[in-house]
C-alpha atoms as a PDB file:
ATOM      1  CA  UNK A   1      57.630  10.371  -9.761  1.00  0.00           C
ATOM      2  CA  UNK A   2      56.030  11.470  -6.851  1.00  0.00           C
ATOM      3  CA  UNK A   3      52.895  12.398  -7.274  1.00  0.00           C
ATOM      4  CA  UNK A   4      49.718  12.851  -9.825  1.00  0.00           C
ATOM      5  CA  UNK A   5      48.866  15.805 -12.332  1.00  0.00           C
ATOM      6  CA  UNK A   6      46.221  17.976 -10.923  1.00  0.00           C
ATOM      7  CA  UNK A   7      43.942  20.698 -12.922  1.00  0.00           C
ATOM      8  CA  UNK A   8      45.313  23.953 -10.765  1.00  0.00           C
ATOM      9  CA  UNK A   9      42.410  25.682  -9.005  1.00  0.00           C
ATOM     10  CA  UNK A  10      42.435  29.714 -10.444  1.00  0.00           C
ATOM     11  CA  UNK A  11      45.393  30.892  -7.179  1.00  0.00           C
ATOM     12  CA  UNK A  12      47.583  28.110  -7.513  1.00  0.00           C
ATOM     13  CA  UNK A  13      49.947  28.636  -9.211  1.00  0.00           C
ATOM     14  CA  UNK A  14      52.704  25.849 -10.289  1.00  0.00           C
ATOM     15  CA  UNK A  15      56.549  25.394 -11.161  1.00  0.00           C
ATOM     16  CA  UNK A  16      58.485  23.363 -12.172  1.00  0.00           C
ATOM     17  CA  UNK A  17      62.227  23.260 -10.790  1.00  0.00           C
ATOM     18  CA  UNK A  18      64.611  21.749 -12.677  1.00  0.00           C
ATOM     19  CA  UNK A  19      68.409  20.588 -11.359  1.00  0.00           C
ATOM     20  CA  UNK A  20      70.246  20.404 -15.135  1.00  0.00           C
ATOM     21  CA  UNK A  21      73.255  17.901 -14.533  1.00  0.00           C
ATOM     22  CA  UNK A  22      76.511  17.379 -17.205  1.00  0.00           C
ATOM     23  CA  UNK A  23      77.434  13.944 -16.000  1.00  0.00           C
ATOM     24  CA  UNK A  24      74.210  12.248 -13.251  1.00  0.00           C
ATOM     25  CA  UNK A  25      70.715  12.796 -13.044  1.00  0.00           C
ATOM     26  CA  UNK A  26      68.822  15.657 -13.445  1.00  0.00           C
ATOM     27  CA  UNK A  27      66.488  16.352 -11.236  1.00  0.00           C
ATOM     28  CA  UNK A  28      63.081  17.951 -11.935  1.00  0.00           C
ATOM     29  CA  UNK A  29      60.157  19.439  -9.609  1.00  0.00           C
ATOM     30  CA  UNK A  30      56.536  20.627  -9.392  1.00  0.00           C
ATOM     31  CA  UNK A  31      55.263  22.555  -6.283  1.00  0.00           C
ATOM     32  CA  UNK A  32      52.075  24.446  -6.232  1.00  0.00           C
ATOM     33  CA  UNK A  33      51.443  27.242  -3.749  1.00  0.00           C
ATOM     34  CA  UNK A  34      48.252  29.921  -3.339  1.00  0.00           C
ATOM     35  CA  UNK A  35      50.885  32.650  -1.744  1.00  0.00           C
ATOM     36  CA  UNK A  36      50.797  31.228   1.364  1.00  0.00           C
ATOM     37  CA  UNK A  37      51.422  27.411   1.354  1.00  0.00           C
ATOM     38  CA  UNK A  38      53.342  24.962  -0.545  1.00  0.00           C
ATOM     39  CA  UNK A  39      52.542  22.067  -1.779  1.00  0.00           C
ATOM     40  CA  UNK A  40      54.186  19.206  -4.178  1.00  0.00           C
ATOM     41  CA  UNK A  41      52.912  17.590  -7.040  1.00  0.00           C
ATOM     42  CA  UNK A  42      55.623  15.315  -8.665  1.00  0.00           C
ATOM     43  CA  UNK A  43      59.503  14.841  -8.012  1.00  0.00           C
ATOM     44  CA  UNK A  44      62.329  13.010  -9.692  1.00  0.00           C
ATOM     45  CA  UNK A  45      65.136  13.208 -10.823  1.00  0.00           C
ATOM     46  CA  UNK A  46      66.208  11.591 -15.008  1.00  0.00           C
ATOM     47  CA  UNK A  47      69.408   8.879 -15.058  1.00  0.00           C
ATOM     48  CA  UNK A  48      70.714   8.789 -18.314  1.00  0.00           C
ATOM     49  CA  UNK A  49      71.978   5.063 -18.979  1.00  0.00           C
ATOM     50  CA  UNK A  50      75.712   4.493 -20.311  1.00  0.00           C
ATOM     51  CA  UNK A  51      74.502   2.973 -23.352  1.00  0.00           C
ATOM     52  CA  UNK A  52      72.521   5.456 -24.574  1.00  0.00           C
ATOM     53  CA  UNK A  53      74.826   8.499 -24.334  1.00  0.00           C
ATOM     54  CA  UNK A  54      77.364   6.217 -26.991  1.00  0.00           C
ATOM     55  CA  UNK A  55      74.776   6.255 -28.785  1.00  0.00           C
ATOM     56  CA  UNK A  56      75.573   9.192 -30.040  1.00  0.00           C
ATOM     57  CA  UNK A  57      76.301  12.524 -28.591  1.00  0.00           C
ATOM     58  CA  UNK A  58      72.759  14.408 -28.610  1.00  0.00           C
ATOM     59  CA  UNK A  59      71.088  10.799 -27.195  1.00  0.00           C
ATOM     60  CA  UNK A  60      71.107  12.353 -23.224  1.00  0.00           C
ATOM     61  CA  UNK A  61      69.691  16.090 -24.563  1.00  0.00           C
ATOM     62  CA  UNK A  62      66.690  14.310 -26.041  1.00  0.00           C
ATOM     63  CA  UNK A  63      65.899  12.277 -23.265  1.00  0.00           C
ATOM     64  CA  UNK A  64      66.314  15.784 -20.701  1.00  0.00           C
ATOM     65  CA  UNK A  65      64.203  17.311 -23.724  1.00  0.00           C
ATOM     66  CA  UNK A  66      61.518  14.990 -23.574  1.00  0.00           C
ATOM     67  CA  UNK A  67      60.839  14.829 -20.345  1.00  0.00           C
ATOM     68  CA  UNK A  68      60.544  18.570 -19.638  1.00  0.00           C
ATOM     69  CA  UNK A  69      57.856  19.094 -22.709  1.00  0.00           C
ATOM     70  CA  UNK A  70      56.025  16.055 -21.260  1.00  0.00           C
ATOM     71  CA  UNK A  71      55.731  17.458 -17.319  1.00  0.00           C
ATOM     72  CA  UNK A  72      55.311  20.605 -18.579  1.00  0.00           C
ATOM     73  CA  UNK A  73      52.275  18.951 -20.594  1.00  0.00           C
ATOM     74  CA  UNK A  74      50.922  17.654 -17.267  1.00  0.00           C
ATOM     75  CA  UNK A  75      51.088  20.086 -15.121  1.00  0.00           C
ATOM     76  CA  UNK A  76      51.518  23.244 -17.262  1.00  0.00           C
ATOM     77  CA  UNK A  77      53.406  25.254 -14.974  1.00  0.00           C
ATOM     78  CA  UNK A  78      53.948  28.852 -15.423  1.00  0.00           C
ATOM     79  CA  UNK A  79      57.000  29.035 -14.378  1.00  0.00           C
ATOM     80  CA  UNK A  80      60.433  27.431 -14.737  1.00  0.00           C
ATOM     81  CA  UNK A  81      63.564  27.522 -12.361  1.00  0.00           C
ATOM     82  CA  UNK A  82      66.514  26.390 -13.561  1.00  0.00           C
ATOM     83  CA  UNK A  83      69.579  26.314 -11.583  1.00  0.00           C
ATOM     84  CA  UNK A  84      72.680  28.553 -12.861  1.00  0.00           C
ATOM     85  CA  UNK A  85      75.610  27.462 -14.397  1.00  0.00           C
ATOM     86  CA  UNK A  86      77.941  27.339 -11.269  1.00  0.00           C
ATOM     87  CA  UNK A  87      82.166  28.298 -12.031  1.00  0.00           C
ATOM     88  CA  UNK A  88      83.749  24.672 -12.196  1.00  0.00           C
ATOM     89  CA  UNK A  89      87.332  24.045 -12.632  1.00  0.00           C
ATOM     90  CA  UNK A  90      86.379  21.733 -15.432  1.00  0.00           C
ATOM     91  CA  UNK A  91      86.262  23.364 -18.743  1.00  0.00           C
ATOM     92  CA  UNK A  92      84.404  20.265 -20.096  1.00  0.00           C
ATOM     93  CA  UNK A  93      82.248  19.790 -16.863  1.00  0.00           C
ATOM     94  CA  UNK A  94      81.488  23.667 -17.611  1.00  0.00           C
ATOM     95  CA  UNK A  95      80.824  22.905 -21.085  1.00  0.00           C
ATOM     96  CA  UNK A  96      78.514  19.737 -20.984  1.00  0.00           C
ATOM     97  CA  UNK A  97      75.861  21.537 -18.141  1.00  0.00           C
ATOM     98  CA  UNK A  98      75.723  24.336 -20.242  1.00  0.00           C
ATOM     99  CA  UNK A  99      73.835  22.739 -22.836  1.00  0.00           C
ATOM    100  CA  UNK A 100      71.680  20.762 -20.777  1.00  0.00           C
ATOM    101  CA  UNK A 101      70.544  24.012 -19.452  1.00  0.00           C
ATOM    102  CA  UNK A 102      70.258  24.976 -23.291  1.00  0.00           C
ATOM    103  CA  UNK A 103      67.841  22.404 -23.694  1.00  0.00           C
ATOM    104  CA  UNK A 104      65.847  23.179 -20.552  1.00  0.00           C
ATOM    105  CA  UNK A 105      65.506  27.172 -22.550  1.00  0.00           C
ATOM    106  CA  UNK A 106      64.116  25.175 -25.244  1.00  0.00           C
ATOM    107  CA  UNK A 107      62.558  23.435 -24.174  1.00  0.00           C
ATOM    108  CA  UNK A 108      60.652  25.867 -21.790  1.00  0.00           C
ATOM    109  CA  UNK A 109      60.493  29.025 -24.972  1.00  0.00           C
ATOM    110  CA  UNK A 110      58.718  25.808 -27.472  1.00  0.00           C
ATOM    111  CA  UNK A 111      56.107  25.664 -24.047  1.00  0.00           C
ATOM    112  CA  UNK A 112      55.872  29.492 -23.710  1.00  0.00           C
ATOM    113  CA  UNK A 113      56.648  29.198 -20.430  1.00  0.00           C
ATOM    114  CA  UNK A 114      58.866  32.006 -18.552  1.00  0.00           C
ATOM    115  CA  UNK A 115      62.349  30.121 -17.176  1.00  0.00           C
ATOM    116  CA  UNK A 116      64.075  32.124 -14.122  1.00  0.00           C
ATOM    117  CA  UNK A 117      67.558  31.356 -13.191  1.00  0.00           C
ATOM    118  CA  UNK A 118      69.232  31.003  -9.989  1.00  0.00           C
ATOM    119  CA  UNK A 119      72.559  30.762  -8.313  1.00  0.00           C
ATOM    120  CA  UNK A 120      73.360  27.509  -6.346  1.00  0.00           C
ATOM    121  CA  UNK A 121      74.029  29.460  -3.066  1.00  0.00           C
ATOM    122  CA  UNK A 122      70.150  31.664  -3.442  1.00  0.00           C
ATOM    123  CA  UNK A 123      68.716  28.415  -4.092  1.00  0.00           C
ATOM    124  CA  UNK A 124      70.793  26.745  -0.207  1.00  0.00           C
ATOM    125  CA  UNK A 125      70.824  30.450   1.413  1.00  0.00           C
ATOM    126  CA  UNK A 126      67.166  30.600   0.428  1.00  0.00           C
ATOM    127  CA  UNK A 127      65.994  26.930   1.880  1.00  0.00           C
ATOM    128  CA  UNK A 128      68.428  26.741   4.730  1.00  0.00           C
ATOM    129  CA  UNK A 129      69.657  29.558   5.346  1.00  0.00           C
ATOM    130  CA  UNK A 130      73.260  28.889   4.375  1.00  0.00           C
ATOM    131  CA  UNK A 131      74.861  29.327   1.292  1.00  0.00           C
ATOM    132  CA  UNK A 132      77.123  26.043   1.227  1.00  0.00           C
ATOM    133  CA  UNK A 133      74.314  24.012   2.925  1.00  0.00           C
ATOM    134  CA  UNK A 134      75.261  20.510   1.714  1.00  0.00           C
ATOM    135  CA  UNK A 135      72.543  18.173  -0.017  1.00  0.00           C
ATOM    136  CA  UNK A 136      71.230  16.222   3.422  1.00  0.00           C
ATOM    137  CA  UNK A 137      70.527  19.888   4.832  1.00  0.00           C
ATOM    138  CA  UNK A 138      68.436  20.979   1.278  1.00  0.00           C
ATOM    139  CA  UNK A 139      67.075  17.748   1.935  1.00  0.00           C
ATOM    140  CA  UNK A 140      65.483  18.456   5.614  1.00  0.00           C
ATOM    141  CA  UNK A 141      64.802  21.384   4.539  1.00  0.00           C
ATOM    142  CA  UNK A 142      63.339  20.890   1.861  1.00  0.00           C
ATOM    143  CA  UNK A 143      60.797  18.291   3.182  1.00  0.00           C
ATOM    144  CA  UNK A 144      59.608  20.891   5.908  1.00  0.00           C
ATOM    145  CA  UNK A 145      59.315  23.396   3.944  1.00  0.00           C
ATOM    146  CA  UNK A 146      57.180  21.195   2.384  1.00  0.00           C
ATOM    147  CA  UNK A 147      55.008  19.078   4.402  1.00  0.00           C
ATOM    148  CA  UNK A 148      56.188  16.011   3.113  1.00  0.00           C
ATOM    149  CA  UNK A 149      55.636  12.587   4.550  1.00  0.00           C
ATOM    150  CA  UNK A 150      59.432  11.119   3.257  1.00  0.00           C
ATOM    151  CA  UNK A 151      63.144  13.265   2.631  1.00  0.00           C
ATOM    152  CA  UNK A 152      62.871  13.816  -1.110  1.00  0.00           C
ATOM    153  CA  UNK A 153      65.090  11.211  -3.002  1.00  0.00           C
ATOM    154  CA  UNK A 154      67.537  10.819  -4.763  1.00  0.00           C
ATOM    155  CA  UNK A 155      68.931  14.195  -3.285  1.00  0.00           C
ATOM    156  CA  UNK A 156      69.101  15.820  -7.427  1.00  0.00           C
ATOM    157  CA  UNK A 157      65.260  15.616  -6.744  1.00  0.00           C
ATOM    158  CA  UNK A 158      65.387  17.333  -3.407  1.00  0.00           C
ATOM    159  CA  UNK A 159      67.847  19.961  -5.239  1.00  0.00           C
ATOM    160  CA  UNK A 160      65.370  20.533  -7.866  1.00  0.00           C
ATOM    161  CA  UNK A 161      61.859  21.189  -5.303  1.00  0.00           C
ATOM    162  CA  UNK A 162      64.928  22.976  -3.558  1.00  0.00           C
ATOM    163  CA  UNK A 163      64.996  25.223  -6.246  1.00  0.00           C
ATOM    164  CA  UNK A 164      61.391  25.825  -7.217  1.00  0.00           C
ATOM    165  CA  UNK A 165      60.747  26.963  -3.186  1.00  0.00           C
ATOM    166  CA  UNK A 166      64.213  29.354  -3.991  1.00  0.00           C
ATOM    167  CA  UNK A 167      61.898  31.194  -7.298  1.00  0.00           C
ATOM    168  CA  UNK A 168      58.497  31.236  -5.217  1.00  0.00           C
ATOM    169  CA  UNK A 169      60.290  33.226  -1.700  1.00  0.00           C
ATOM    170  CA  UNK A 170      61.500  35.307  -3.953  1.00  0.00           C
ATOM    171  CA  UNK A 171      58.729  35.798  -5.915  1.00  0.00           C
ATOM    172  CA  UNK A 172      56.885  36.806  -2.770  1.00  0.00           C
ATOM    173  CA  UNK A 173      59.299  39.474  -1.677  1.00  0.00           C
ATOM    174  CA  UNK A 174      58.950  40.580  -4.582  1.00  0.00           C
ATOM    175  CA  UNK A 175      54.772  41.446  -4.247  1.00  0.00           C
ATOM    176  CA  UNK A 176      55.609  41.719  -0.682  1.00  0.00           C
ATOM    177  CA  UNK A 177      58.412  44.697  -1.641  1.00  0.00           C
ATOM    178  CA  UNK A 178      56.318  45.897  -4.848  1.00  0.00           C
ATOM    179  CA  UNK A 179      60.002  45.579  -6.470  1.00  0.00           C
ATOM    180  CA  UNK A 180      60.873  45.181 -10.701  1.00  0.00           C
ATOM    181  CA  UNK A 181      60.251  41.551 -11.848  1.00  0.00           C
ATOM    182  CA  UNK A 182      63.792  40.207 -11.798  1.00  0.00           C
ATOM    183  CA  UNK A 183      65.068  39.323 -16.375  1.00  0.00           C
ATOM    184  CA  UNK A 184      63.782  36.643 -17.291  1.00  0.00           C
ATOM    185  CA  UNK A 185      66.000  34.222 -19.383  1.00  0.00           C
ATOM    186  CA  UNK A 186      62.116  34.311 -21.654  1.00  0.00           C
ATOM    187  CA  UNK A 187      59.375  35.441 -21.874  1.00  0.00           C
ATOM    188  CA  UNK A 188      56.459  33.901 -23.330  1.00  0.00           C
ATOM    189  CA  UNK A 189      54.462  34.682 -26.536  1.00  0.00           C
ATOM    190  CA  UNK A 190      57.080  36.185 -28.665  1.00  0.00           C
ATOM    191  CA  UNK A 191      58.590  38.565 -25.918  1.00  0.00           C
ATOM    192  CA  UNK A 192      62.556  39.705 -25.957  1.00  0.00           C
ATOM    193  CA  UNK A 193      64.497  37.655 -24.224  1.00  0.00           C
ATOM    194  CA  UNK A 194      65.726  41.052 -21.895  1.00  0.00           C
ATOM    195  CA  UNK A 195      64.264  44.249 -22.230  1.00  0.00           C
ATOM    196  CA  UNK A 196      66.722  46.400 -23.106  1.00  0.00           C
ATOM    197  CA  UNK A 197      68.393  49.111 -21.122  1.00  0.00           C
ATOM    198  CA  UNK A 198      68.120  52.785 -22.074  1.00  0.00           C
ATOM    199  CA  UNK A 199      71.089  54.033 -23.220  1.00  0.00           C
ATOM    200  CA  UNK A 200      71.840  57.647 -22.362  1.00  0.00           C
ATOM    201  CA  UNK A 201      74.916  59.124 -24.781  1.00  0.00           C
ATOM    202  CA  UNK A 202      77.238  61.354 -23.426  1.00  0.00           C
ATOM    203  CA  UNK A 203      78.503  64.680 -24.625  1.00  0.00           C
ATOM    204  CA  UNK A 204      81.267  65.629 -24.977  1.00  0.00           C
ATOM    205  CA  UNK A 205      82.867  69.378 -25.367  1.00  0.00           C
ATOM    206  CA  UNK A 206      85.058  69.897 -27.551  1.00  0.00           C
ATOM    207  CA  UNK A 207      87.524  72.872 -26.851  1.00  0.00           C
ATOM    208  CA  UNK A 208      86.158  73.989 -24.125  1.00  0.00           C
ATOM    209  CA  UNK A 209      87.343  76.130 -22.011  1.00  0.00           C
ATOM    210  CA  UNK A 210      88.348  74.001 -19.018  1.00  0.00           C
ATOM    211  CA  UNK A 211      86.253  76.269 -15.620  1.00  0.00           C
ATOM    212  CA  UNK A 212      88.593  78.233 -13.727  1.00  0.00           C
ATOM    213  CA  UNK A 213      89.755  76.817  -9.894  1.00  0.00           C
ATOM    214  CA  UNK A 214      87.972  77.905  -7.207  1.00  0.00           C
ATOM    215  CA  UNK A 215      89.517  80.002  -4.560  1.00  0.00           C
ATOM    216  CA  UNK A 216      89.681  79.607  -1.387  1.00  0.00           C
ATOM    217  CA  UNK A 217      89.338  83.201   1.175  1.00  0.00           C
ATOM    218  CA  UNK A 218      90.621  83.038   4.467  1.00  0.00           C
ATOM    219  CA  UNK A 219      89.344  85.971   7.027  1.00  0.00           C
ATOM    220  CA  UNK A 220      91.638  86.498   9.742  1.00  0.00           C
ATOM    221  CA  UNK A 221      90.607  87.891  13.120  1.00  0.00           C
ATOM    222  CA  UNK A 222      92.042  91.205  14.684  1.00  0.00           C
ATOM    223  CA  UNK A 223      92.978  91.400  17.583  1.00  0.00           C
ATOM    224  CA  UNK A 224      91.677  93.400  20.688  1.00  0.00           C
ATOM    225  CA  UNK A 225      94.546  95.612  21.646  1.00  0.00           C
END
């Protein structure tokens, strides 16, 4: 992991980006922004050894949970941005990815950190301007946007930084145009996960007389002699 934890300034906001993985390493990246500029505080990827995975079904999930808890305790982020589950053709892969995301949400709830979710296309479009950009393009743009001296490696760490940047840019847009806050996946201080929408009752009249059909009147002009 690059960087060292520093106490945040009064106006700075820290964002922890997470790129969950079903089989490969889980990427993470921490950025700090003052509303105009962003800088990198740390990044990396957790690769669970195959031997560790064979110990128990939840060994890998336990390692991810421990890592995220340590990062939140060291960096004290105000928000956690995580990549959403994509529609995978392999159901088993999608289930594993959902399990990792569940661990991410659990760790955030335990540390009272608000969680925001963004789809892979949203992240790529926000960082590169193209929703189908490849990993090299994402790495290059992350390096440029964060003014990094080297390309972030591995690609999973760059993806996590991209997720954090996506949330940073989304918040800038929301504040600039006074847009409503997006729905959170978790809220701190025991608040509800989602704000329930108002239910408007629909009343139907029983045995009501249907309205008379409207008539279209036509007027003929008299011809001049």
